[in-house]
Amino acid sequence: MINAFVVVWRESLEALLVISVLLAWIARQGDPGRLRRGVWAGLGGGVALAAALGAATFAAQSQLQGQALEAFQAGIALASAALVLQMVAWMRRHGAGMKRELEARAASASGATGVALVTAFAVAREGAETVVFLYGIGLERDTQGALALLAGAAAGLAAALLCAWAIARGARRLNMRTLLRTSELLLLAIATAMVGHGVERLIGMGWLPPLADPLWDSATLLDDAGGIGRVLADFAGYRARPTGALVAAYLLFWGVALVALRPRPVRPKQAPAH
């Protein structure tokens, strides 16, 4: 439930911020009513595209059985982890200039139709990522777990709406930088769990050697079968008895994450030649 809450909250907040930026830009234009209708049409189109992706994903799964299904689900889990990392890295680099970029795209768009397309693509991207992430998170869930997943997703959407409302009201105590940085760490922890699900499925299929099974046993200190250990297992991929391959995959993921998220040096602007 926590995983679904964080993912839906972050993705929905990004989509709502996009819409807020566009609406603020539209309010300064000559014909705001027509352009505003374009935003709402684009929002509907983006949600529809994300829903279509979800339907296609479940339709594809229903046609697979046995090892093919295991391979499909392992691929989705690993792709979800890669998408989380890509999303966090992209926002780290472009988040500060997102407002200017969106306004530039809206200004170059052709009227209400163009604004609708800008909105639809932005919302569809966030929605598609949400669908893939939730599918990756829900791979190990039974019926009760699926209901908890939906409850977490609904709570995440409500929290995103509340945050967007607070931002629109100019809440001074809401530090967006701290909020987004914290969500980055939570998302990377969730991505680690997705890596774990994918790697363990590949090991179970015999496509990946375990290397050492187990590499260590910390069950006496913190078991992953219940309590806090189980929460950490679901949320961040903790294993009391991990295989060597799983530990290697975690180290590889976090190594790539540290490289992708490292601060980029600012190049000094060269003075114009005389």
C-alpha atoms as a PDB file:
ATOM      1  CA  MET A   1       0.000   0.000   0.000  1.00  0.00           C
ATOM      2  CA  ILE A   2       2.839   2.398   0.856  1.00  0.00           C
ATOM      3  CA  ASN A   3       4.514   1.721  -2.502  1.00  0.00           C
ATOM      4  CA  ALA A   4       1.319   2.470  -4.428  1.00  0.00           C
ATOM      5  CA  PHE A   5       0.703   5.606  -2.356  1.00  0.00           C
ATOM      6  CA  VAL A   6       4.157   7.048  -3.072  1.00  0.00           C
ATOM      7  CA  VAL A   7       4.100   6.206  -6.790  1.00  0.00           C
ATOM      8  CA  VAL A   8       0.604   7.559  -7.474  1.00  0.00           C
ATOM      9  CA  TRP A   9       1.175  10.620  -5.290  1.00  0.00           C
ATOM     10  CA  ARG A  10       4.391  11.569  -7.100  1.00  0.00           C
ATOM     11  CA  GLU A  11       3.134  10.860 -10.627  1.00  0.00           C
ATOM     12  CA  SER A  12      -0.232  12.565 -10.040  1.00  0.00           C
ATOM     13  CA  LEU A  13       1.469  15.586  -8.479  1.00  0.00           C
ATOM     14  CA  GLU A  14       3.693  15.978 -11.527  1.00  0.00           C
ATOM     15  CA  ALA A  15       0.675  15.787 -13.848  1.00  0.00           C
ATOM     16  CA  LEU A  16      -1.249  18.297 -11.719  1.00  0.00           C
ATOM     17  CA  LEU A  17       1.721  20.684 -11.720  1.00  0.00           C
ATOM     18  CA  VAL A  18       1.832  20.483 -15.519  1.00  0.00           C
ATOM     19  CA  ILE A  19      -1.851  21.368 -15.708  1.00  0.00           C
ATOM     20  CA  SER A  20      -1.396  24.204 -13.191  1.00  0.00           C
ATOM     21  CA  VAL A  21       1.461  25.703 -15.212  1.00  0.00           C
ATOM     22  CA  LEU A  22      -0.575  25.535 -18.414  1.00  0.00           C
ATOM     23  CA  LEU A  23      -3.654  27.078 -16.790  1.00  0.00           C
ATOM     24  CA  ALA A  24      -1.565  29.904 -15.328  1.00  0.00           C
ATOM     25  CA  TRP A  25      -0.089  30.577 -18.770  1.00  0.00           C
ATOM     26  CA  ILE A  26      -3.524  30.434 -20.409  1.00  0.00           C
ATOM     27  CA  ALA A  27      -4.886  33.015 -17.947  1.00  0.00           C
ATOM     28  CA  ARG A  28      -2.461  35.553 -19.468  1.00  0.00           C
ATOM     29  CA  GLN A  29      -3.563  34.884 -23.051  1.00  0.00           C
ATOM     30  CA  GLY A  30      -6.151  36.681 -25.145  1.00  0.00           C
ATOM     31  CA  ASP A  31      -8.716  33.853 -25.429  1.00  0.00           C
ATOM     32  CA  PRO A  32      -8.334  31.866 -22.175  1.00  0.00           C
ATOM     33  CA  GLY A  33     -11.721  30.122 -22.368  1.00  0.00           C
ATOM     34  CA  ARG A  34     -11.003  28.246 -25.589  1.00  0.00           C
ATOM     35  CA  LEU A  35      -7.456  27.335 -24.534  1.00  0.00           C
ATOM     36  CA  ARG A  36      -8.681  26.189 -21.123  1.00  0.00           C
ATOM     37  CA  ARG A  37     -11.117  23.810 -22.804  1.00  0.00           C
ATOM     38  CA  GLY A  38      -8.168  22.454 -24.743  1.00  0.00           C
ATOM     39  CA  VAL A  39      -6.379  21.661 -21.472  1.00  0.00           C
ATOM     40  CA  TRP A  40      -9.356  19.717 -20.118  1.00  0.00           C
ATOM     41  CA  ALA A  41      -9.728  17.857 -23.399  1.00  0.00           C
ATOM     42  CA  GLY A  42      -6.033  16.998 -23.288  1.00  0.00           C
ATOM     43  CA  LEU A  43      -6.385  15.790 -19.704  1.00  0.00           C
ATOM     44  CA  GLY A  44      -9.163  13.422 -20.742  1.00  0.00           C
ATOM     45  CA  GLY A  45      -7.155  12.201 -23.709  1.00  0.00           C
ATOM     46  CA  GLY A  46      -4.069  11.584 -21.573  1.00  0.00           C
ATOM     47  CA  VAL A  47      -6.035   9.584 -19.009  1.00  0.00           C
ATOM     48  CA  ALA A  48      -7.632   7.565 -21.822  1.00  0.00           C
ATOM     49  CA  LEU A  49      -4.203   6.757 -23.304  1.00  0.00           C
ATOM     50  CA  ALA A  50      -2.900   5.607 -19.916  1.00  0.00           C
ATOM     51  CA  ALA A  51      -6.010   3.461 -19.404  1.00  0.00           C
ATOM     52  CA  ALA A  52      -5.502   1.930 -22.847  1.00  0.00           C
ATOM     53  CA  LEU A  53      -1.939   1.005 -21.907  1.00  0.00           C
ATOM     54  CA  GLY A  54      -3.202  -0.631 -18.717  1.00  0.00           C
ATOM     55  CA  ALA A  55      -5.792  -2.629 -20.649  1.00  0.00           C
ATOM     56  CA  ALA A  56      -3.178  -3.695 -23.208  1.00  0.00           C
ATOM     57  CA  THR A  57      -0.786  -4.795 -20.444  1.00  0.00           C
ATOM     58  CA  PHE A  58      -3.382  -6.996 -18.744  1.00  0.00           C
ATOM     59  CA  ALA A  59      -4.577  -8.329 -22.096  1.00  0.00           C
ATOM     60  CA  ALA A  60      -1.020  -9.338 -22.975  1.00  0.00           C
ATOM     61  CA  GLN A  61      -0.611 -11.054 -19.607  1.00  0.00           C
ATOM     62  CA  SER A  62      -3.834 -13.011 -20.038  1.00  0.00           C
ATOM     63  CA  GLN A  63      -2.454 -14.557 -23.239  1.00  0.00           C
ATOM     64  CA  LEU A  64       0.703 -15.839 -21.562  1.00  0.00           C
ATOM     65  CA  GLN A  65       1.252 -18.918 -19.423  1.00  0.00           C
ATOM     66  CA  GLY A  66       4.061 -20.664 -17.597  1.00  0.00           C
ATOM     67  CA  GLN A  67       7.575 -19.485 -18.290  1.00  0.00           C
ATOM     68  CA  ALA A  68       6.436 -16.918 -20.855  1.00  0.00           C
ATOM     69  CA  LEU A  69       4.297 -15.229 -18.196  1.00  0.00           C
ATOM     70  CA  GLU A  70       7.167 -15.337 -15.705  1.00  0.00           C
ATOM     71  CA  ALA A  71       9.495 -13.747 -18.268  1.00  0.00           C
ATOM     72  CA  PHE A  72       6.901 -11.061 -19.093  1.00  0.00           C
ATOM     73  CA  GLN A  73       6.434 -10.176 -15.428  1.00  0.00           C
ATOM     74  CA  ALA A  74      10.185 -10.165 -14.766  1.00  0.00           C
ATOM     75  CA  GLY A  75      10.640  -7.812 -17.714  1.00  0.00           C
ATOM     76  CA  ILE A  76       7.893  -5.496 -16.439  1.00  0.00           C
ATOM     77  CA  ALA A  77       9.450  -5.386 -12.962  1.00  0.00           C
ATOM     78  CA  LEU A  78      12.917  -4.540 -14.297  1.00  0.00           C
ATOM     79  CA  ALA A  79      11.487  -2.038 -16.802  1.00  0.00           C
ATOM     80  CA  SER A  80       9.558  -0.374 -13.957  1.00  0.00           C
ATOM     81  CA  ALA A  81      12.763   0.042 -11.960  1.00  0.00           C
ATOM     82  CA  ALA A  82      14.526   1.535 -14.988  1.00  0.00           C
ATOM     83  CA  LEU A  83      11.607   3.930 -15.571  1.00  0.00           C
ATOM     84  CA  VAL A  84      11.683   5.092 -11.958  1.00  0.00           C
ATOM     85  CA  LEU A  85      15.393   5.844 -12.224  1.00  0.00           C
ATOM     86  CA  GLN A  86      14.938   7.616 -15.564  1.00  0.00           C
ATOM     87  CA  MET A  87      12.062   9.698 -14.197  1.00  0.00           C
ATOM     88  CA  VAL A  88      13.964  10.750 -11.075  1.00  0.00           C
ATOM     89  CA  ALA A  89      17.073  11.634 -13.108  1.00  0.00           C
ATOM     90  CA  TRP A  90      15.014  13.616 -15.647  1.00  0.00           C
ATOM     91  CA  MET A  91      13.234  15.612 -12.949  1.00  0.00           C
ATOM     92  CA  ARG A  92      16.531  16.268 -11.160  1.00  0.00           C
ATOM     93  CA  ARG A  93      17.971  17.815 -14.344  1.00  0.00           C
ATOM     94  CA  HIS A  94      14.928  19.488 -15.891  1.00  0.00           C
ATOM     95  CA  GLY A  95      12.546  20.155 -13.001  1.00  0.00           C
ATOM     96  CA  ALA A  96      13.748  23.710 -12.439  1.00  0.00           C
ATOM     97  CA  GLY A  97      13.131  24.642 -16.075  1.00  0.00           C
ATOM     98  CA  MET A  98       9.913  22.642 -16.529  1.00  0.00           C
ATOM     99  CA  LYS A  99       7.705  25.735 -16.229  1.00  0.00           C
ATOM    100  CA  ARG A 100       9.592  27.596 -18.963  1.00  0.00           C
ATOM    101  CA  GLU A 101       9.646  24.519 -21.190  1.00  0.00           C
ATOM    102  CA  LEU A 102       5.896  23.926 -20.878  1.00  0.00           C
ATOM    103  CA  GLU A 103       5.089  27.570 -21.539  1.00  0.00           C
ATOM    104  CA  ALA A 104       7.326  27.530 -24.609  1.00  0.00           C
ATOM    105  CA  ARG A 105       5.587  24.406 -25.933  1.00  0.00           C
ATOM    106  CA  ALA A 106       2.154  25.896 -25.293  1.00  0.00           C
ATOM    107  CA  ALA A 107       3.127  29.143 -26.997  1.00  0.00           C
ATOM    108  CA  SER A 108       4.351  27.303 -30.084  1.00  0.00           C
ATOM    109  CA  ALA A 109       1.276  25.046 -30.182  1.00  0.00           C
ATOM    110  CA  SER A 110      -1.513  25.730 -32.648  1.00  0.00           C
ATOM    111  CA  GLY A 111      -4.411  27.087 -30.562  1.00  0.00           C
ATOM    112  CA  ALA A 112      -6.625  24.947 -28.356  1.00  0.00           C
ATOM    113  CA  THR A 113      -5.824  21.770 -30.300  1.00  0.00           C
ATOM    114  CA  GLY A 114      -2.123  22.248 -29.803  1.00  0.00           C
ATOM    115  CA  VAL A 115      -2.552  22.953 -26.091  1.00  0.00           C
ATOM    116  CA  ALA A 116      -4.725  19.830 -25.812  1.00  0.00           C
ATOM    117  CA  LEU A 117      -1.951  17.751 -27.393  1.00  0.00           C
ATOM    118  CA  VAL A 118       0.703  19.203 -25.081  1.00  0.00           C
ATOM    119  CA  THR A 119      -1.506  18.372 -22.086  1.00  0.00           C
ATOM    120  CA  ALA A 120      -2.436  14.921 -23.377  1.00  0.00           C
ATOM    121  CA  PHE A 121       1.172  13.859 -23.948  1.00  0.00           C
ATOM    122  CA  ALA A 122       2.295  15.167 -20.544  1.00  0.00           C
ATOM    123  CA  VAL A 123      -0.578  13.491 -18.684  1.00  0.00           C
ATOM    124  CA  ALA A 124      -0.305  10.281 -20.731  1.00  0.00           C
ATOM    125  CA  ARG A 125       3.396  10.035 -19.877  1.00  0.00           C
ATOM    126  CA  GLU A 126       2.735  10.305 -16.151  1.00  0.00           C
ATOM    127  CA  GLY A 127      -0.270   7.986 -16.403  1.00  0.00           C
ATOM    128  CA  ALA A 128       1.608   5.380 -18.436  1.00  0.00           C
ATOM    129  CA  GLU A 129       4.459   5.393 -15.926  1.00  0.00           C
ATOM    130  CA  THR A 130       1.925   4.947 -13.122  1.00  0.00           C
ATOM    131  CA  VAL A 131       0.340   1.952 -14.876  1.00  0.00           C
ATOM    132  CA  VAL A 132       3.704   0.254 -15.387  1.00  0.00           C
ATOM    133  CA  PHE A 133       4.840   0.993 -11.824  1.00  0.00           C
ATOM    134  CA  LEU A 134       1.637  -0.290 -10.242  1.00  0.00           C
ATOM    135  CA  TYR A 135       1.761  -3.444 -12.356  1.00  0.00           C
ATOM    136  CA  GLY A 136       5.359  -4.017 -11.264  1.00  0.00           C
ATOM    137  CA  ILE A 137       4.462  -3.436  -7.610  1.00  0.00           C
ATOM    138  CA  GLY A 138       1.412  -5.707  -7.741  1.00  0.00           C
ATOM    139  CA  LEU A 139       3.108  -8.786  -9.202  1.00  0.00           C
ATOM    140  CA  GLU A 140       3.328 -10.593  -5.862  1.00  0.00           C
ATOM    141  CA  ARG A 141      -0.132  -9.571  -4.577  1.00  0.00           C
ATOM    142  CA  ASP A 142      -3.138 -11.767  -3.917  1.00  0.00           C
ATOM    143  CA  THR A 143      -6.722 -10.457  -3.983  1.00  0.00           C
ATOM    144  CA  GLN A 144      -6.426  -8.825  -0.575  1.00  0.00           C
ATOM    145  CA  GLY A 145      -3.079  -7.322  -1.522  1.00  0.00           C
ATOM    146  CA  ALA A 146      -4.568  -5.959  -4.757  1.00  0.00           C
ATOM    147  CA  LEU A 147      -7.307  -4.203  -2.775  1.00  0.00           C
ATOM    148  CA  ALA A 148      -4.674  -2.676  -0.497  1.00  0.00           C
ATOM    149  CA  LEU A 149      -2.793  -1.576  -3.618  1.00  0.00           C
ATOM    150  CA  LEU A 150      -5.893   0.172  -4.957  1.00  0.00           C
ATOM    151  CA  ALA A 151      -6.492   1.811  -1.574  1.00  0.00           C
ATOM    152  CA  GLY A 152      -2.910   3.086  -1.545  1.00  0.00           C
ATOM    153  CA  ALA A 153      -3.278   4.402  -5.091  1.00  0.00           C
ATOM    154  CA  ALA A 154      -6.505   6.232  -4.188  1.00  0.00           C
ATOM    155  CA  ALA A 155      -4.855   7.746  -1.107  1.00  0.00           C
ATOM    156  CA  GLY A 156      -1.883   8.826  -3.237  1.00  0.00           C
ATOM    157  CA  LEU A 157      -4.176  10.580  -5.702  1.00  0.00           C
ATOM    158  CA  ALA A 158      -5.984  12.361  -2.858  1.00  0.00           C
ATOM    159  CA  ALA A 159      -2.647  13.464  -1.355  1.00  0.00           C
ATOM    160  CA  ALA A 160      -1.497  14.778  -4.751  1.00  0.00           C
ATOM    161  CA  LEU A 161      -4.700  16.805  -5.113  1.00  0.00           C
ATOM    162  CA  LEU A 162      -4.180  18.215  -1.616  1.00  0.00           C
ATOM    163  CA  CYS A 163      -0.561  19.163  -2.370  1.00  0.00           C
ATOM    164  CA  ALA A 164      -1.546  20.769  -5.675  1.00  0.00           C
ATOM    165  CA  TRP A 165      -4.273  22.751  -3.899  1.00  0.00           C
ATOM    166  CA  ALA A 166      -1.783  23.884  -1.239  1.00  0.00           C
ATOM    167  CA  ILE A 167       0.695  24.971  -3.926  1.00  0.00           C
ATOM    168  CA  ALA A 168      -2.026  26.878  -5.781  1.00  0.00           C
ATOM    169  CA  ARG A 169      -2.981  28.596  -2.515  1.00  0.00           C
ATOM    170  CA  GLY A 170       0.650  29.551  -2.011  1.00  0.00           C
ATOM    171  CA  ALA A 171       1.285  27.487   1.099  1.00  0.00           C
ATOM    172  CA  ARG A 172       4.512  28.918   2.532  1.00  0.00           C
ATOM    173  CA  ARG A 173       5.255  25.940   4.747  1.00  0.00           C
ATOM    174  CA  LEU A 174       5.220  23.515   1.818  1.00  0.00           C
ATOM    175  CA  ASN A 175       8.837  23.221   0.701  1.00  0.00           C
ATOM    176  CA  MET A 176       8.566  21.672  -2.747  1.00  0.00           C
ATOM    177  CA  ARG A 177      12.294  21.043  -3.058  1.00  0.00           C
ATOM    178  CA  THR A 178      12.386  19.022   0.174  1.00  0.00           C
ATOM    179  CA  LEU A 179       9.158  17.264  -0.767  1.00  0.00           C
ATOM    180  CA  LEU A 180      10.439  16.187  -4.172  1.00  0.00           C
ATOM    181  CA  ARG A 181      13.866  15.156  -2.863  1.00  0.00           C
ATOM    182  CA  THR A 182      12.226  12.975  -0.220  1.00  0.00           C
ATOM    183  CA  SER A 183       9.965  11.404  -2.828  1.00  0.00           C
ATOM    184  CA  GLU A 184      13.018  10.643  -4.981  1.00  0.00           C
ATOM    185  CA  LEU A 185      14.539   8.528  -2.198  1.00  0.00           C
ATOM    186  CA  LEU A 186      11.238   6.730  -1.626  1.00  0.00           C
ATOM    187  CA  LEU A 187      10.846   6.030  -5.347  1.00  0.00           C
ATOM    188  CA  LEU A 188      14.383   4.661  -5.593  1.00  0.00           C
ATOM    189  CA  ALA A 189      13.660   2.361  -2.638  1.00  0.00           C
ATOM    190  CA  ILE A 190      10.549   1.116  -4.452  1.00  0.00           C
ATOM    191  CA  ALA A 191      12.598   0.636  -7.625  1.00  0.00           C
ATOM    192  CA  THR A 192      15.031  -1.506  -5.611  1.00  0.00           C
ATOM    193  CA  ALA A 193      12.146  -3.772  -4.637  1.00  0.00           C
ATOM    194  CA  MET A 194      11.144  -4.018  -8.313  1.00  0.00           C
ATOM    195  CA  VAL A 195      14.694  -5.021  -9.215  1.00  0.00           C
ATOM    196  CA  GLY A 196      14.454  -7.714  -6.541  1.00  0.00           C
ATOM    197  CA  HIS A 197      11.178  -9.077  -7.936  1.00  0.00           C
ATOM    198  CA  GLY A 198      12.588  -9.198 -11.456  1.00  0.00           C
ATOM    199  CA  VAL A 199      15.901 -10.820 -10.522  1.00  0.00           C
ATOM    200  CA  GLU A 200      14.247 -13.438  -8.296  1.00  0.00           C
ATOM    201  CA  ARG A 201      11.905 -14.415 -11.125  1.00  0.00           C
ATOM    202  CA  LEU A 202      14.855 -14.775 -13.501  1.00  0.00           C
ATOM    203  CA  ILE A 203      16.653 -16.954 -10.943  1.00  0.00           C
ATOM    204  CA  GLY A 204      13.531 -19.060 -10.449  1.00  0.00           C
ATOM    205  CA  MET A 205      13.312 -19.603 -14.218  1.00  0.00           C
ATOM    206  CA  GLY A 206      16.946 -20.668 -14.380  1.00  0.00           C
ATOM    207  CA  TRP A 207      17.865 -17.710 -16.604  1.00  0.00           C
ATOM    208  CA  LEU A 208      20.155 -16.203 -13.986  1.00  0.00           C
ATOM    209  CA  PRO A 209      22.506 -18.138 -11.643  1.00  0.00           C
ATOM    210  CA  PRO A 210      22.009 -17.370  -7.942  1.00  0.00           C
ATOM    211  CA  LEU A 211      25.827 -17.243  -7.443  1.00  0.00           C
ATOM    212  CA  ALA A 212      25.419 -17.936  -3.720  1.00  0.00           C
ATOM    213  CA  ASP A 213      22.220 -19.054  -2.000  1.00  0.00           C
ATOM    214  CA  PRO A 214      22.085 -17.537   0.511  1.00  0.00           C
ATOM    215  CA  LEU A 215      24.950 -15.069   0.554  1.00  0.00           C
ATOM    216  CA  TRP A 216      24.196 -14.434   4.253  1.00  0.00           C
ATOM    217  CA  ASP A 217      21.429 -15.048   6.774  1.00  0.00           C
ATOM    218  CA  SER A 218      20.220 -12.101   8.881  1.00  0.00           C
ATOM    219  CA  ALA A 219      16.859 -13.650   9.810  1.00  0.00           C
ATOM    220  CA  THR A 220      17.784 -13.776  13.499  1.00  0.00           C
ATOM    221  CA  LEU A 221      18.291 -10.007  13.452  1.00  0.00           C
ATOM    222  CA  LEU A 222      15.462  -9.024  11.106  1.00  0.00           C
ATOM    223  CA  ASP A 223      13.338 -11.642   9.402  1.00  0.00           C
ATOM    224  CA  ASP A 224      11.535 -10.702   6.181  1.00  0.00           C
ATOM    225  CA  ALA A 225       8.602 -13.019   6.906  1.00  0.00           C
ATOM    226  CA  GLY A 226       6.745 -10.586   9.146  1.00  0.00           C
ATOM    227  CA  GLY A 227       6.756  -7.323  11.060  1.00  0.00           C
ATOM    228  CA  ILE A 228       9.162  -4.540  10.088  1.00  0.00           C
ATOM    229  CA  GLY A 229      11.218  -6.935   7.981  1.00  0.00           C
ATOM    230  CA  ARG A 230       8.185  -7.757   5.848  1.00  0.00           C
ATOM    231  CA  VAL A 231       7.422  -4.058   5.375  1.00  0.00           C
ATOM    232  CA  LEU A 232      11.018  -3.438   4.282  1.00  0.00           C
ATOM    233  CA  ALA A 233      10.854  -6.464   1.987  1.00  0.00           C
ATOM    234  CA  ASP A 234       7.733  -5.168   0.233  1.00  0.00           C
ATOM    235  CA  PHE A 235       8.829  -1.534   0.160  1.00  0.00           C
ATOM    236  CA  ALA A 236      12.566  -1.674  -0.499  1.00  0.00           C
ATOM    237  CA  GLY A 237      13.415  -5.271  -1.443  1.00  0.00           C
ATOM    238  CA  TYR A 238      15.007  -6.320   1.841  1.00  0.00           C
ATOM    239  CA  ARG A 239      15.885 -10.029   2.017  1.00  0.00           C
ATOM    240  CA  ALA A 240      17.114 -11.786   5.142  1.00  0.00           C
ATOM    241  CA  ARG A 241      18.624 -14.541   2.989  1.00  0.00           C
ATOM    242  CA  PRO A 242      19.605 -12.887  -0.293  1.00  0.00           C
ATOM    243  CA  THR A 243      21.307 -14.639  -3.160  1.00  0.00           C
ATOM    244  CA  GLY A 244      24.591 -13.336  -4.477  1.00  0.00           C
ATOM    245  CA  ALA A 245      22.926 -12.407  -7.761  1.00  0.00           C
ATOM    246  CA  LEU A 246      20.307 -10.320  -5.948  1.00  0.00           C
ATOM    247  CA  VAL A 247      22.928  -8.406  -3.956  1.00  0.00           C
ATOM    248  CA  ALA A 248      24.935  -7.831  -7.144  1.00  0.00           C
ATOM    249  CA  ALA A 249      21.797  -6.514  -8.883  1.00  0.00           C
ATOM    250  CA  TYR A 250      21.085  -4.121  -6.002  1.00  0.00           C
ATOM    251  CA  LEU A 251      24.661  -2.826  -6.041  1.00  0.00           C
ATOM    252  CA  LEU A 252      24.521  -2.369  -9.819  1.00  0.00           C
ATOM    253  CA  PHE A 253      21.210  -0.482  -9.619  1.00  0.00           C
ATOM    254  CA  TRP A 254      22.408   1.894  -6.914  1.00  0.00           C
ATOM    255  CA  GLY A 255      25.731   2.385  -8.670  1.00  0.00           C
ATOM    256  CA  VAL A 256      23.914   3.442 -11.829  1.00  0.00           C
ATOM    257  CA  ALA A 257      21.570   5.630  -9.737  1.00  0.00           C
ATOM    258  CA  LEU A 258      24.458   7.456  -8.048  1.00  0.00           C
ATOM    259  CA  VAL A 259      26.078   8.131 -11.414  1.00  0.00           C
ATOM    260  CA  ALA A 260      22.804   9.256 -13.017  1.00  0.00           C
ATOM    261  CA  LEU A 261      21.904  11.569 -10.126  1.00  0.00           C
ATOM    262  CA  ARG A 262      25.299  13.085  -9.451  1.00  0.00           C
ATOM    263  CA  PRO A 263      25.399  16.885  -9.748  1.00  0.00           C
ATOM    264  CA  ARG A 264      26.501  18.066 -13.144  1.00  0.00           C
ATOM    265  CA  PRO A 265      29.209  20.768 -13.149  1.00  0.00           C
ATOM    266  CA  VAL A 266      27.985  24.083 -14.489  1.00  0.00           C
ATOM    267  CA  ARG A 267      30.038  25.108 -17.482  1.00  0.00           C
ATOM    268  CA  PRO A 268      31.003  28.784 -17.448  1.00  0.00           C
ATOM    269  CA  LYS A 269      29.695  30.764 -20.378  1.00  0.00           C
ATOM    270  CA  GLN A 270      32.368  31.753 -22.823  1.00  0.00           C
ATOM    271  CA  ALA A 271      32.766  35.416 -23.538  1.00  0.00           C
ATOM    272  CA  PRO A 272      31.918  36.349 -27.136  1.00  0.00           C
ATOM    273  CA  ALA A 273      34.933  36.624 -29.395  1.00  0.00           C
ATOM    274  CA  HIS A 274      35.826  40.124 -30.591  1.00  0.00           C
END
